[in-house]
C-alpha atoms as a PDB file:
ATOM      1  CA  MET A   1      73.281  36.470  51.882  1.00  0.00           C
ATOM      2  CA  LYS A   2      76.326  35.099  53.669  1.00  0.00           C
ATOM      3  CA  LEU A   3      75.625  31.694  52.224  1.00  0.00           C
ATOM      4  CA  PHE A   4      75.950  32.964  48.647  1.00  0.00           C
ATOM      5  CA  TYR A   5      79.060  34.898  49.542  1.00  0.00           C
ATOM      6  CA  ASN A   6      80.685  31.782  51.009  1.00  0.00           C
ATOM      7  CA  LEU A   7      79.620  29.633  48.065  1.00  0.00           C
ATOM      8  CA  PHE A   8      81.201  31.930  45.534  1.00  0.00           C
ATOM      9  CA  LYS A   9      84.403  32.466  47.508  1.00  0.00           C
ATOM     10  CA  SER A  10      85.629  29.228  46.006  1.00  0.00           C
ATOM     11  CA  PRO A  11      86.428  29.834  42.312  1.00  0.00           C
ATOM     12  CA  ARG A  12      86.253  26.103  41.590  1.00  0.00           C
ATOM     13  CA  LEU A  13      82.762  25.813  43.054  1.00  0.00           C
ATOM     14  CA  ALA A  14      81.641  28.944  41.241  1.00  0.00           C
ATOM     15  CA  ASN A  15      82.906  27.532  37.925  1.00  0.00           C
ATOM     16  CA  GLU A  16      81.173  24.209  38.562  1.00  0.00           C
ATOM     17  CA  LEU A  17      77.905  25.994  39.297  1.00  0.00           C
ATOM     18  CA  LYS A  18      78.224  28.144  36.183  1.00  0.00           C
ATOM     19  CA  GLN A  19      78.885  25.031  34.091  1.00  0.00           C
ATOM     20  CA  ARG A  20      75.848  23.299  35.593  1.00  0.00           C
ATOM     21  CA  VAL A  21      73.667  26.320  34.795  1.00  0.00           C
ATOM     22  CA  ILE A  22      74.889  26.239  31.176  1.00  0.00           C
ATOM     23  CA  GLU A  23      74.111  22.528  30.935  1.00  0.00           C
ATOM     24  CA  LEU A  24      70.633  23.033  32.379  1.00  0.00           C
ATOM     25  CA  GLU A  25      69.926  25.894  29.959  1.00  0.00           C
ATOM     26  CA  LYS A  26      70.904  23.648  27.026  1.00  0.00           C
ATOM     27  CA  GLU A  27      68.686  20.849  28.320  1.00  0.00           C
ATOM     28  CA  ASN A  28      65.827  23.304  28.774  1.00  0.00           C
ATOM     29  CA  ARG A  29      66.146  24.509  25.155  1.00  0.00           C
ATOM     30  CA  ARG A  30      66.251  20.913  23.908  1.00  0.00           C
ATOM     31  CA  LEU A  31      63.123  20.022  25.873  1.00  0.00           C
ATOM     32  CA  GLN A  32      61.314  23.120  24.617  1.00  0.00           C
ATOM     33  CA  ASP A  33      62.151  22.171  21.018  1.00  0.00           C
ATOM     34  CA  GLU A  34      60.948  18.624  21.612  1.00  0.00           C
ATOM     35  CA  ASN A  35      57.756  19.907  23.200  1.00  0.00           C
ATOM     36  CA  GLU A  36      57.068  22.175  20.222  1.00  0.00           C
ATOM     37  CA  SER A  37      57.691  19.303  17.804  1.00  0.00           C
ATOM     38  CA  LEU A  38      55.286  17.069  19.676  1.00  0.00           C
ATOM     39  CA  TRP A  39      52.559  19.729  19.603  1.00  0.00           C
ATOM     40  CA  ASP A  40      53.112  20.079  15.842  1.00  0.00           C
ATOM     41  CA  MET A  41      52.789  16.309  15.458  1.00  0.00           C
ATOM     42  CA  LEU A  42      49.569  16.336  17.464  1.00  0.00           C
ATOM     43  CA  ASP A  43      48.136  19.067  15.220  1.00  0.00           C
ATOM     44  CA  GLU A  44      49.018  16.997  12.133  1.00  0.00           C
ATOM     45  CA  ILE A  45      47.369  13.902  13.621  1.00  0.00           C
ATOM     46  CA  LYS A  46      44.182  15.839  14.409  1.00  0.00           C
ATOM     47  CA  LYS A  47      44.081  17.270  10.891  1.00  0.00           C
ATOM     48  CA  SER A  48      44.619  13.810   9.401  1.00  0.00           C
ATOM     49  CA  GLU A  49      41.821  12.359  11.542  1.00  0.00           C
ATOM     50  CA  GLN A  50      39.441  15.099  10.394  1.00  0.00           C
ATOM     51  CA  GLU A  51      40.305  14.453   6.753  1.00  0.00           C
ATOM     52  CA  ALA A  52      39.828  10.706   7.230  1.00  0.00           C
ATOM     53  CA  PHE A  53      36.456  11.303   8.889  1.00  0.00           C
ATOM     54  CA  ILE A  54      35.292  13.511   6.016  1.00  0.00           C
ATOM     55  CA  TYR A  55      36.503  10.981   3.454  1.00  0.00           C
ATOM     56  CA  TYR A  56      34.848   8.079   5.279  1.00  0.00           C
ATOM     57  CA  ASN A  57      31.553   9.977   5.493  1.00  0.00           C
ATOM     58  CA  SER A  58      31.686  10.825   1.788  1.00  0.00           C
ATOM     59  CA  LEU A  59      32.096   7.121   0.946  1.00  0.00           C
ATOM     60  CA  ASN A  60      29.045   6.205   2.986  1.00  0.00           C
ATOM     61  CA  THR A  61      26.802   8.898   1.521  1.00  0.00           C
ATOM     62  CA  GLU A  62      24.288   7.735  -1.029  1.00  0.00           C
ATOM     63  CA  SER A  63      23.957   9.877  -4.083  1.00  0.00           C
ATOM     64  CA  VAL A  64      20.619  11.655  -4.477  1.00  0.00           C
ATOM     65  CA  GLY A  65      20.730  11.942  -8.208  1.00  0.00           C
ATOM     66  CA  GLU A  66      23.001  12.113 -11.177  1.00  0.00           C
ATOM     67  CA  ALA A  67      24.726  15.315 -12.034  1.00  0.00           C
END
């Protein structure tokens, strides 16, 4: 506990630490947004692959009769 007390005795050090925390929080939010975007992109790719697979299979299916 003394360590924290001594660290925050210096106003300059306390302000630097507060600023660093703010910067890290901003970086964390940015990385979370990027992560969410990448998961969305992955979902779109999977959906596109499924649609392409269905389309490809429908092209290779022989018709049984005329409608």
